[in-house]
């Protein structure tokens, strides 16, 4: 019985924290990270992994890093590079569709 009370209290506190974050104008990125459990990397992290700034294209850098890690690198780094590409594609895909 005690664990059920704790679980309900935790869930209520979590919902309240999300509501407060939305009302107080906390960065939308932080709210999204909380909702999705921080499983997907942010655009800033993806750009940092690929070593590109916001005004640079990342496609060439991705190809270079991916191939380099495929030949003599680690699978972990290669997967991080691939996840960074997926993140940037998901961020820029809606922008490209809006322009069409």
PDB file of N, CA and C in Angstrom:
ATOM      1  N   UNK A   1       0.827  -1.191   0.000  1.00  0.00           N
ATOM      2  CA  UNK A   1       0.000   0.000   0.000  1.00  0.00           C
ATOM      3  C   UNK A   1       0.870   1.253   0.000  1.00  0.00           C
ATOM      4  N   UNK A   2       1.920   1.240   0.774  1.00  0.00           N
ATOM      5  CA  UNK A   2       2.796   2.407   0.861  1.00  0.00           C
ATOM      6  C   UNK A   2       3.480   2.726  -0.452  1.00  0.00           C
ATOM      7  N   UNK A   3       3.843   1.691  -1.224  1.00  0.00           N
ATOM      8  CA  UNK A   3       4.510   1.941  -2.503  1.00  0.00           C
ATOM      9  C   UNK A   3       3.543   2.538  -3.519  1.00  0.00           C
ATOM     10  N   UNK A   4       2.267   2.167  -3.459  1.00  0.00           N
ATOM     11  CA  UNK A   4       1.269   2.742  -4.357  1.00  0.00           C
ATOM     12  C   UNK A   4       1.085   4.227  -4.113  1.00  0.00           C
ATOM     13  N   UNK A   5       1.115   4.609  -2.851  1.00  0.00           N
ATOM     14  CA  UNK A   5       0.986   6.022  -2.497  1.00  0.00           C
ATOM     15  C   UNK A   5       2.187   6.794  -3.020  1.00  0.00           C
ATOM     16  N   UNK A   6       3.362   6.213  -2.837  1.00  0.00           N
ATOM     17  CA  UNK A   6       4.591   6.866  -3.309  1.00  0.00           C
ATOM     18  C   UNK A   6       4.580   7.006  -4.826  1.00  0.00           C
ATOM     19  N   UNK A   7       4.131   5.992  -5.532  1.00  0.00           N
ATOM     20  CA  UNK A   7       4.084   6.022  -6.985  1.00  0.00           C
ATOM     21  C   UNK A   7       3.123   7.100  -7.476  1.00  0.00           C
ATOM     22  N   UNK A   8       1.958   7.187  -6.861  1.00  0.00           N
ATOM     23  CA  UNK A   8       0.992   8.220  -7.249  1.00  0.00           C
ATOM     24  C   UNK A   8       1.529   9.609  -6.944  1.00  0.00           C
ATOM     25  N   UNK A   9       2.193   9.769  -5.831  1.00  0.00           N
ATOM     26  CA  UNK A   9       2.761  11.069  -5.468  1.00  0.00           C
ATOM     27  C   UNK A   9       3.862  11.462  -6.440  1.00  0.00           C
ATOM     28  N   UNK A  10       4.683  10.499  -6.812  1.00  0.00           N
ATOM     29  CA  UNK A  10       5.740  10.779  -7.772  1.00  0.00           C
ATOM     30  C   UNK A  10       5.168  11.187  -9.122  1.00  0.00           C
ATOM     31  N   UNK A  11       4.153  10.454  -9.595  1.00  0.00           N
ATOM     32  CA  UNK A  11       3.524  10.770 -10.877  1.00  0.00           C
ATOM     33  C   UNK A  11       2.885  12.157 -10.846  1.00  0.00           C
ATOM     34  N   UNK A  12       2.237  12.482  -9.751  1.00  0.00           N
ATOM     35  CA  UNK A  12       1.611  13.794  -9.631  1.00  0.00           C
ATOM     36  C   UNK A  12       2.679  14.889  -9.603  1.00  0.00           C
ATOM     37  N   UNK A  13       3.762  14.672  -8.886  1.00  0.00           N
ATOM     38  CA  UNK A  13       4.841  15.661  -8.831  1.00  0.00           C
ATOM     39  C   UNK A  13       5.485  15.838 -10.200  1.00  0.00           C
ATOM     40  N   UNK A  14       5.633  14.755 -10.937  1.00  0.00           N
ATOM     41  CA  UNK A  14       6.199  14.807 -12.279  1.00  0.00           C
ATOM     42  C   UNK A  14       5.319  15.626 -13.218  1.00  0.00           C
ATOM     43  N   UNK A  15       4.021  15.364 -13.191  1.00  0.00           N
ATOM     44  CA  UNK A  15       3.091  16.136 -14.032  1.00  0.00           C
ATOM     45  C   UNK A  15       3.110  17.607 -13.650  1.00  0.00           C
ATOM     46  N   UNK A  16       3.171  17.890 -12.355  1.00  0.00           N
ATOM     47  CA  UNK A  16       3.203  19.280 -11.898  1.00  0.00           C
ATOM     48  C   UNK A  16       4.493  19.968 -12.338  1.00  0.00           C
ATOM     49  N   UNK A  17       5.609  19.255 -12.284  1.00  0.00           N
ATOM     50  CA  UNK A  17       6.886  19.822 -12.715  1.00  0.00           C
ATOM     51  C   UNK A  17       6.848  20.162 -14.206  1.00  0.00           C
ATOM     52  N   UNK A  18       6.251  19.289 -15.013  1.00  0.00           N
ATOM     53  CA  UNK A  18       6.122  19.574 -16.441  1.00  0.00           C
ATOM     54  C   UNK A  18       5.220  20.786 -16.688  1.00  0.00           C
ATOM     55  N   UNK A  19       4.121  20.860 -15.931  1.00  0.00           N
ATOM     56  CA  UNK A  19       3.209  21.993 -16.078  1.00  0.00           C
ATOM     57  C   UNK A  19       3.899  23.295 -15.672  1.00  0.00           C
ATOM     58  N   UNK A  20       4.639  23.267 -14.583  1.00  0.00           N
ATOM     59  CA  UNK A  20       5.360  24.455 -14.130  1.00  0.00           C
ATOM     60  C   UNK A  20       6.419  24.880 -15.133  1.00  0.00           C
ATOM     61  N   UNK A  21       7.117  23.921 -15.702  1.00  0.00           N
ATOM     62  CA  UNK A  21       8.151  24.239 -16.681  1.00  0.00           C
ATOM     63  C   UNK A  21       7.535  24.905 -17.905  1.00  0.00           C
ATOM     64  N   UNK A  22       6.377  24.423 -18.321  1.00  0.00           N
ATOM     65  CA  UNK A  22       5.710  25.025 -19.477  1.00  0.00           C
ATOM     66  C   UNK A  22       5.225  26.439 -19.163  1.00  0.00           C
ATOM     67  N   UNK A  23       4.678  26.639 -17.978  1.00  0.00           N
ATOM     68  CA  UNK A  23       4.167  27.951 -17.597  1.00  0.00           C
ATOM     69  C   UNK A  23       5.273  28.966 -17.406  1.00  0.00           C
ATOM     70  N   UNK A  24       6.391  28.546 -16.858  1.00  0.00           N
ATOM     71  CA  UNK A  24       7.471  29.470 -16.538  1.00  0.00           C
ATOM     72  C   UNK A  24       8.365  29.781 -17.722  1.00  0.00           C
ATOM     73  N   UNK A  25       8.114  29.188 -18.891  1.00  0.00           N
ATOM     74  CA  UNK A  25       8.902  29.499 -20.070  1.00  0.00           C
ATOM     75  C   UNK A  25      10.276  28.861 -20.063  1.00  0.00           C
ATOM     76  N   UNK A  26      10.413  27.733 -19.388  1.00  0.00           N
ATOM     77  CA  UNK A  26      11.678  27.009 -19.404  1.00  0.00           C
ATOM     78  C   UNK A  26      11.929  26.554 -20.833  1.00  0.00           C
ATOM     79  N   UNK A  27      13.169  26.432 -21.197  1.00  0.00           N
ATOM     80  CA  UNK A  27      13.516  26.060 -22.571  1.00  0.00           C
ATOM     81  C   UNK A  27      12.727  24.840 -23.026  1.00  0.00           C
ATOM     82  N   UNK A  28      12.113  24.950 -24.186  1.00  0.00           N
ATOM     83  CA  UNK A  28      11.281  23.868 -24.714  1.00  0.00           C
ATOM     84  C   UNK A  28      12.092  22.590 -24.884  1.00  0.00           C
ATOM     85  N   UNK A  29      13.360  22.731 -25.208  1.00  0.00           N
ATOM     86  CA  UNK A  29      14.217  21.565 -25.380  1.00  0.00           C
ATOM     87  C   UNK A  29      14.312  20.749 -24.095  1.00  0.00           C
ATOM     88  N   UNK A  30      14.397  21.420 -22.971  1.00  0.00           N
ATOM     89  CA  UNK A  30      14.487  20.723 -21.686  1.00  0.00           C
ATOM     90  C   UNK A  30      13.203  19.955 -21.394  1.00  0.00           C
ATOM     91  N   UNK A  31      12.071  20.546 -21.702  1.00  0.00           N
ATOM     92  CA  UNK A  31      10.787  19.874 -21.482  1.00  0.00           C
ATOM     93  C   UNK A  31      10.682  18.641 -22.376  1.00  0.00           C
ATOM     94  N   UNK A  32      11.118  18.770 -23.629  1.00  0.00           N
ATOM     95  CA  UNK A  32      11.069  17.630 -24.542  1.00  0.00           C
ATOM     96  C   UNK A  32      11.986  16.509 -24.076  1.00  0.00           C
ATOM     97  N   UNK A  33      13.157  16.862 -23.540  1.00  0.00           N
ATOM     98  CA  UNK A  33      14.076  15.843 -23.034  1.00  0.00           C
ATOM     99  C   UNK A  33      13.471  15.092 -21.862  1.00  0.00           C
ATOM    100  N   UNK A  34      12.744  15.788 -21.018  1.00  0.00           N
ATOM    101  CA  UNK A  34      12.104  15.130 -19.882  1.00  0.00           C
ATOM    102  C   UNK A  34      11.022  14.178 -20.388  1.00  0.00           C
ATOM    103  N   UNK A  35      10.224  14.624 -21.343  1.00  0.00           N
ATOM    104  CA  UNK A  35       9.129  13.806 -21.847  1.00  0.00           C
ATOM    105  C   UNK A  35       9.604  12.558 -22.553  1.00  0.00           C
ATOM    106  N   UNK A  36      10.667  12.656 -23.340  1.00  0.00           N
ATOM    107  CA  UNK A  36      11.129  11.495 -24.085  1.00  0.00           C
ATOM    108  C   UNK A  36      12.212  10.712 -23.365  1.00  0.00           C
ATOM    109  N   UNK A  37      12.521  11.093 -22.137  1.00  0.00           N
ATOM    110  CA  UNK A  37      13.470  10.328 -21.334  1.00  0.00           C
ATOM    111  C   UNK A  37      14.915  10.519 -21.746  1.00  0.00           C
ATOM    112  N   UNK A  38      15.226  11.582 -22.444  1.00  0.00           N
ATOM    113  CA  UNK A  38      16.588  11.905 -22.869  1.00  0.00           C
ATOM    114  C   UNK A  38      17.226  10.783 -23.687  1.00  0.00           C
ATOM    115  N   UNK A  39      16.424  10.043 -24.429  1.00  0.00           N
ATOM    116  CA  UNK A  39      16.973   8.952 -25.235  1.00  0.00           C
ATOM    117  C   UNK A  39      17.497   9.445 -26.573  1.00  0.00           C
ATOM    118  N   UNK A  40      16.982  10.533 -27.055  1.00  0.00           N
ATOM    119  CA  UNK A  40      17.433  11.079 -28.323  1.00  0.00           C
ATOM    120  C   UNK A  40      18.348  12.260 -28.055  1.00  0.00           C
ATOM    121  N   UNK A  41      19.402  12.376 -28.820  1.00  0.00           N
ATOM    122  CA  UNK A  41      20.342  13.465 -28.574  1.00  0.00           C
ATOM    123  C   UNK A  41      19.793  14.782 -29.105  1.00  0.00           C
ATOM    124  N   UNK A  42      20.281  15.858 -28.541  1.00  0.00           N
ATOM    125  CA  UNK A  42      19.857  17.190 -28.962  1.00  0.00           C
ATOM    126  C   UNK A  42      20.619  17.599 -30.219  1.00  0.00           C
ATOM    127  N   UNK A  43      20.132  18.634 -30.875  1.00  0.00           N
ATOM    128  CA  UNK A  43      20.805  19.135 -32.069  1.00  0.00           C
ATOM    129  C   UNK A  43      22.203  19.637 -31.718  1.00  0.00           C
ATOM    130  N   UNK A  44      22.345  20.295 -30.571  1.00  0.00           N
ATOM    131  CA  UNK A  44      23.650  20.802 -30.166  1.00  0.00           C
ATOM    132  C   UNK A  44      24.647  19.657 -29.960  1.00  0.00           C
ATOM    133  N   UNK A  45      24.181  18.573 -29.327  1.00  0.00           N
ATOM    134  CA  UNK A  45      25.058  17.419 -29.103  1.00  0.00           C
ATOM    135  C   UNK A  45      25.440  16.778 -30.441  1.00  0.00           C
ATOM    136  N   UNK A  46      24.487  16.676 -31.355  1.00  0.00           N
ATOM    137  CA  UNK A  46      24.758  16.095 -32.670  1.00  0.00           C
ATOM    138  C   UNK A  46      25.791  16.921 -33.424  1.00  0.00           C
ATOM    139  N   UNK A  47      25.640  18.242 -33.374  1.00  0.00           N
ATOM    140  CA  UNK A  47      26.608  19.105 -34.050  1.00  0.00           C
ATOM    141  C   UNK A  47      27.988  19.005 -33.405  1.00  0.00           C
ATOM    142  N   UNK A  48      28.016  18.843 -32.103  1.00  0.00           N
ATOM    143  CA  UNK A  48      29.291  18.697 -31.399  1.00  0.00           C
ATOM    144  C   UNK A  48      29.978  17.379 -31.798  1.00  0.00           C
ATOM    145  N   UNK A  49      29.226  16.312 -31.915  1.00  0.00           N
ATOM    146  CA  UNK A  49      29.796  15.024 -32.306  1.00  0.00           C
ATOM    147  C   UNK A  49      30.380  15.098 -33.707  1.00  0.00           C
ATOM    148  N   UNK A  50      29.646  15.751 -34.619  1.00  0.00           N
ATOM    149  CA  UNK A  50      30.121  15.857 -35.996  1.00  0.00           C
ATOM    150  C   UNK A  50      31.142  16.979 -36.187  1.00  0.00           C
ATOM    151  N   UNK A  51      31.248  17.865 -35.217  1.00  0.00           N
ATOM    152  CA  UNK A  51      32.224  18.948 -35.296  1.00  0.00           C
ATOM    153  C   UNK A  51      31.836  20.036 -36.276  1.00  0.00           C
ATOM    154  N   UNK A  52      30.558  20.365 -36.330  1.00  0.00           N
ATOM    155  CA  UNK A  52      30.084  21.411 -37.239  1.00  0.00           C
ATOM    156  C   UNK A  52      29.304  22.463 -36.448  1.00  0.00           C
ATOM    157  N   UNK A  53      29.325  23.678 -36.962  1.00  0.00           N
ATOM    158  CA  UNK A  53      28.549  24.741 -36.331  1.00  0.00           C
ATOM    159  C   UNK A  53      27.190  24.834 -37.029  1.00  0.00           C
ATOM    160  N   UNK A  54      26.355  25.754 -36.552  1.00  0.00           N
ATOM    161  CA  UNK A  54      24.994  25.843 -37.090  1.00  0.00           C
ATOM    162  C   UNK A  54      24.947  26.283 -38.545  1.00  0.00           C
ATOM    163  N   UNK A  55      25.931  27.054 -38.980  1.00  0.00           N
ATOM    164  CA  UNK A  55      25.889  27.555 -40.359  1.00  0.00           C
ATOM    165  C   UNK A  55      26.684  26.679 -41.324  1.00  0.00           C
ATOM    166  N   UNK A  56      27.137  25.515 -40.872  1.00  0.00           N
ATOM    167  CA  UNK A  56      27.883  24.593 -41.722  1.00  0.00           C
ATOM    168  C   UNK A  56      27.003  23.413 -42.110  1.00  0.00           C
ATOM    169  N   UNK A  57      27.284  22.821 -43.267  1.00  0.00           N
ATOM    170  CA  UNK A  57      26.580  21.597 -43.641  1.00  0.00           C
ATOM    171  C   UNK A  57      27.295  20.424 -42.989  1.00  0.00           C
ATOM    172  N   UNK A  58      26.544  19.412 -42.654  1.00  0.00           N
ATOM    173  CA  UNK A  58      27.095  18.290 -41.901  1.00  0.00           C
ATOM    174  C   UNK A  58      27.242  17.025 -42.729  1.00  0.00           C
ATOM    175  N   UNK A  59      26.737  16.996 -43.944  1.00  0.00           N
ATOM    176  CA  UNK A  59      26.735  15.780 -44.746  1.00  0.00           C
ATOM    177  C   UNK A  59      28.149  15.269 -45.038  1.00  0.00           C
ATOM    178  N   UNK A  60      29.046  16.151 -45.494  1.00  0.00           N
ATOM    179  CA  UNK A  60      30.413  15.725 -45.807  1.00  0.00           C
ATOM    180  C   UNK A  60      31.148  15.255 -44.561  1.00  0.00           C
ATOM    181  N   UNK A  61      30.977  15.985 -43.484  1.00  0.00           N
ATOM    182  CA  UNK A  61      31.637  15.627 -42.231  1.00  0.00           C
ATOM    183  C   UNK A  61      31.147  14.262 -41.752  1.00  0.00           C
ATOM    184  N   UNK A  62      29.848  14.013 -41.899  1.00  0.00           N
ATOM    185  CA  UNK A  62      29.290  12.713 -41.513  1.00  0.00           C
ATOM    186  C   UNK A  62      29.939  11.595 -42.319  1.00  0.00           C
ATOM    187  N   UNK A  63      29.982  11.767 -43.643  1.00  0.00           N
ATOM    188  CA  UNK A  63      30.551  10.723 -44.500  1.00  0.00           C
ATOM    189  C   UNK A  63      31.988  10.403 -44.105  1.00  0.00           C
ATOM    190  N   UNK A  64      32.783  11.433 -43.865  1.00  0.00           N
ATOM    191  CA  UNK A  64      34.184  11.245 -43.489  1.00  0.00           C
ATOM    192  C   UNK A  64      34.308  10.496 -42.169  1.00  0.00           C
ATOM    193  N   UNK A  65      33.592  10.960 -41.152  1.00  0.00           N
ATOM    194  CA  UNK A  65      33.687  10.326 -39.831  1.00  0.00           C
ATOM    195  C   UNK A  65      33.145   8.898 -39.837  1.00  0.00           C
ATOM    196  N   UNK A  66      32.057   8.682 -40.556  1.00  0.00           N
ATOM    197  CA  UNK A  66      31.460   7.346 -40.589  1.00  0.00           C
ATOM    198  C   UNK A  66      32.410   6.358 -41.251  1.00  0.00           C
ATOM    199  N   UNK A  67      32.979   6.731 -42.392  1.00  0.00           N
ATOM    200  CA  UNK A  67      33.903   5.843 -43.100  1.00  0.00           C
ATOM    201  C   UNK A  67      35.172   5.604 -42.294  1.00  0.00           C
ATOM    202  N   UNK A  68      35.679   6.632 -41.650  1.00  0.00           N
ATOM    203  CA  UNK A  68      36.889   6.489 -40.851  1.00  0.00           C
ATOM    204  C   UNK A  68      36.674   5.490 -39.712  1.00  0.00           C
ATOM    205  N   UNK A  69      35.540   5.560 -39.069  1.00  0.00           N
ATOM    206  CA  UNK A  69      35.258   4.638 -37.971  1.00  0.00           C
ATOM    207  C   UNK A  69      34.864   3.247 -38.471  1.00  0.00           C
ATOM    208  N   UNK A  70      34.385   3.147 -39.683  1.00  0.00           N
ATOM    209  CA  UNK A  70      34.046   1.836 -40.243  1.00  0.00           C
ATOM    210  C   UNK A  70      35.313   1.031 -40.514  1.00  0.00           C
ATOM    211  N   UNK A  71      36.370   1.712 -40.939  1.00  0.00           N
ATOM    212  CA  UNK A  71      37.609   1.019 -41.305  1.00  0.00           C
ATOM    213  C   UNK A  71      38.447   0.653 -40.088  1.00  0.00           C
ATOM    214  N   UNK A  72      38.732   1.633 -39.260  1.00  0.00           N
ATOM    215  CA  UNK A  72      39.670   1.359 -38.164  1.00  0.00           C
ATOM    216  C   UNK A  72      39.231   1.956 -36.831  1.00  0.00           C
ATOM    217  N   UNK A  73      38.002   2.347 -36.742  1.00  0.00           N
ATOM    218  CA  UNK A  73      37.520   2.961 -35.506  1.00  0.00           C
ATOM    219  C   UNK A  73      36.691   2.000 -34.682  1.00  0.00           C
ATOM    220  N   UNK A  74      35.930   2.572 -33.791  1.00  0.00           N
ATOM    221  CA  UNK A  74      35.104   1.732 -32.921  1.00  0.00           C
ATOM    222  C   UNK A  74      33.647   1.774 -33.377  1.00  0.00           C
ATOM    223  N   UNK A  75      32.948   0.691 -33.107  1.00  0.00           N
ATOM    224  CA  UNK A  75      31.523   0.617 -33.433  1.00  0.00           C
ATOM    225  C   UNK A  75      30.742   1.658 -32.629  1.00  0.00           C
ATOM    226  N   UNK A  76      31.157   1.908 -31.388  1.00  0.00           N
ATOM    227  CA  UNK A  76      30.482   2.888 -30.535  1.00  0.00           C
ATOM    228  C   UNK A  76      30.535   4.278 -31.163  1.00  0.00           C
ATOM    229  N   UNK A  77      31.731   4.692 -31.599  1.00  0.00           N
ATOM    230  CA  UNK A  77      31.862   6.016 -32.214  1.00  0.00           C
ATOM    231  C   UNK A  77      31.093   6.092 -33.529  1.00  0.00           C
ATOM    232  N   UNK A  78      31.142   5.016 -34.283  1.00  0.00           N
ATOM    233  CA  UNK A  78      30.411   4.987 -35.541  1.00  0.00           C
ATOM    234  C   UNK A  78      28.908   5.123 -35.293  1.00  0.00           C
ATOM    235  N   UNK A  79      28.403   4.465 -34.259  1.00  0.00           N
ATOM    236  CA  UNK A  79      26.972   4.564 -33.965  1.00  0.00           C
ATOM    237  C   UNK A  79      26.613   5.968 -33.464  1.00  0.00           C
ATOM    238  N   UNK A  80      27.511   6.599 -32.705  1.00  0.00           N
ATOM    239  CA  UNK A  80      27.263   7.974 -32.254  1.00  0.00           C
ATOM    240  C   UNK A  80      27.194   8.922 -33.449  1.00  0.00           C
ATOM    241  N   UNK A  81      28.098   8.742 -34.402  1.00  0.00           N
ATOM    242  CA  UNK A  81      28.097   9.572 -35.611  1.00  0.00           C
ATOM    243  C   UNK A  81      26.804   9.354 -36.378  1.00  0.00           C
ATOM    244  N   UNK A  82      26.370   8.113 -36.482  1.00  0.00           N
ATOM    245  CA  UNK A  82      25.121   7.814 -37.192  1.00  0.00           C
ATOM    246  C   UNK A  82      23.914   8.419 -36.476  1.00  0.00           C
ATOM    247  N   UNK A  83      23.875   8.325 -35.146  1.00  0.00           N
ATOM    248  CA  UNK A  83      22.775   8.918 -34.377  1.00  0.00           C
ATOM    249  C   UNK A  83      22.762  10.435 -34.520  1.00  0.00           C
ATOM    250  N   UNK A  84      23.945  11.042 -34.605  1.00  0.00           N
ATOM    251  CA  UNK A  84      24.025  12.488 -34.805  1.00  0.00           C
ATOM    252  C   UNK A  84      23.415  12.865 -36.156  1.00  0.00           C
ATOM    253  N   UNK A  85      23.704  12.064 -37.178  1.00  0.00           N
ATOM    254  CA  UNK A  85      23.129  12.300 -38.506  1.00  0.00           C
ATOM    255  C   UNK A  85      21.607  12.182 -38.463  1.00  0.00           C
ATOM    256  N   UNK A  86      21.109  11.130 -37.797  1.00  0.00           N
ATOM    257  CA  UNK A  86      19.666  10.951 -37.687  1.00  0.00           C
ATOM    258  C   UNK A  86      19.008  12.127 -36.976  1.00  0.00           C
ATOM    259  N   UNK A  87      19.651  12.612 -35.938  1.00  0.00           N
ATOM    260  CA  UNK A  87      19.109  13.743 -35.189  1.00  0.00           C
ATOM    261  C   UNK A  87      19.018  14.978 -36.079  1.00  0.00           C
ATOM    262  N   UNK A  88      20.105  15.286 -36.796  1.00  0.00           N
ATOM    263  CA  UNK A  88      20.106  16.471 -37.649  1.00  0.00           C
ATOM    264  C   UNK A  88      19.129  16.321 -38.809  1.00  0.00           C
ATOM    265  N   UNK A  89      18.968  15.119 -39.320  1.00  0.00           N
ATOM    266  CA  UNK A  89      17.971  14.894 -40.367  1.00  0.00           C
ATOM    267  C   UNK A  89      16.569  15.146 -39.838  1.00  0.00           C
ATOM    268  N   UNK A  90      16.288  14.685 -38.635  1.00  0.00           N
ATOM    269  CA  UNK A  90      14.952  14.871 -38.077  1.00  0.00           C
ATOM    270  C   UNK A  90      14.679  16.337 -37.767  1.00  0.00           C
ATOM    271  N   UNK A  91      15.710  17.079 -37.418  1.00  0.00           N
ATOM    272  CA  UNK A  91      15.540  18.504 -37.129  1.00  0.00           C
ATOM    273  C   UNK A  91      15.314  19.285 -38.411  1.00  0.00           C
ATOM    274  N   UNK A  92      16.059  18.940 -39.445  1.00  0.00           N
ATOM    275  CA  UNK A  92      15.989  19.714 -40.688  1.00  0.00           C
ATOM    276  C   UNK A  92      14.942  19.209 -41.663  1.00  0.00           C
ATOM    277  N   UNK A  93      14.456  18.008 -41.496  1.00  0.00           N
ATOM    278  CA  UNK A  93      13.430  17.467 -42.389  1.00  0.00           C
ATOM    279  C   UNK A  93      12.156  18.309 -42.360  1.00  0.00           C
ATOM    280  N   UNK A  94      11.607  18.657 -41.189  1.00  0.00           N
ATOM    281  CA  UNK A  94      10.394  19.479 -41.181  1.00  0.00           C
ATOM    282  C   UNK A  94      10.610  20.857 -41.814  1.00  0.00           C
ATOM    283  N   UNK A  95      11.796  21.425 -41.646  1.00  0.00           N
ATOM    284  CA  UNK A  95      12.082  22.740 -42.232  1.00  0.00           C
ATOM    285  C   UNK A  95      12.081  22.659 -43.741  1.00  0.00           C
ATOM    286  N   UNK A  96      12.644  21.577 -44.281  1.00  0.00           N
ATOM    287  CA  UNK A  96      12.679  21.396 -45.727  1.00  0.00           C
ATOM    288  C   UNK A  96      11.273  21.185 -46.276  1.00  0.00           C
ATOM    289  N   UNK A  97      10.412  20.469 -45.558  1.00  0.00           N
ATOM    290  CA  UNK A  97       9.045  20.227 -46.007  1.00  0.00           C
ATOM    291  C   UNK A  97       8.232  21.504 -45.965  1.00  0.00           C
ATOM    292  N   UNK A  98       8.495  22.391 -44.998  1.00  0.00           N
ATOM    293  CA  UNK A  98       7.767  23.653 -44.897  1.00  0.00           C
ATOM    294  C   UNK A  98       8.083  24.560 -46.073  1.00  0.00           C
ATOM    295  N   UNK A  99       9.304  24.494 -46.591  1.00  0.00           N
ATOM    296  CA  UNK A  99       9.707  25.346 -47.707  1.00  0.00           C
ATOM    297  C   UNK A  99       9.094  24.883 -49.014  1.00  0.00           C
ATOM    298  N   UNK A 100       8.722  23.596 -49.095  1.00  0.00           N
ATOM    299  CA  UNK A 100       8.160  23.045 -50.337  1.00  0.00           C
ATOM    300  C   UNK A 100       6.759  23.495 -50.575  1.00  0.00           C
TER     301      UNK A 100
END
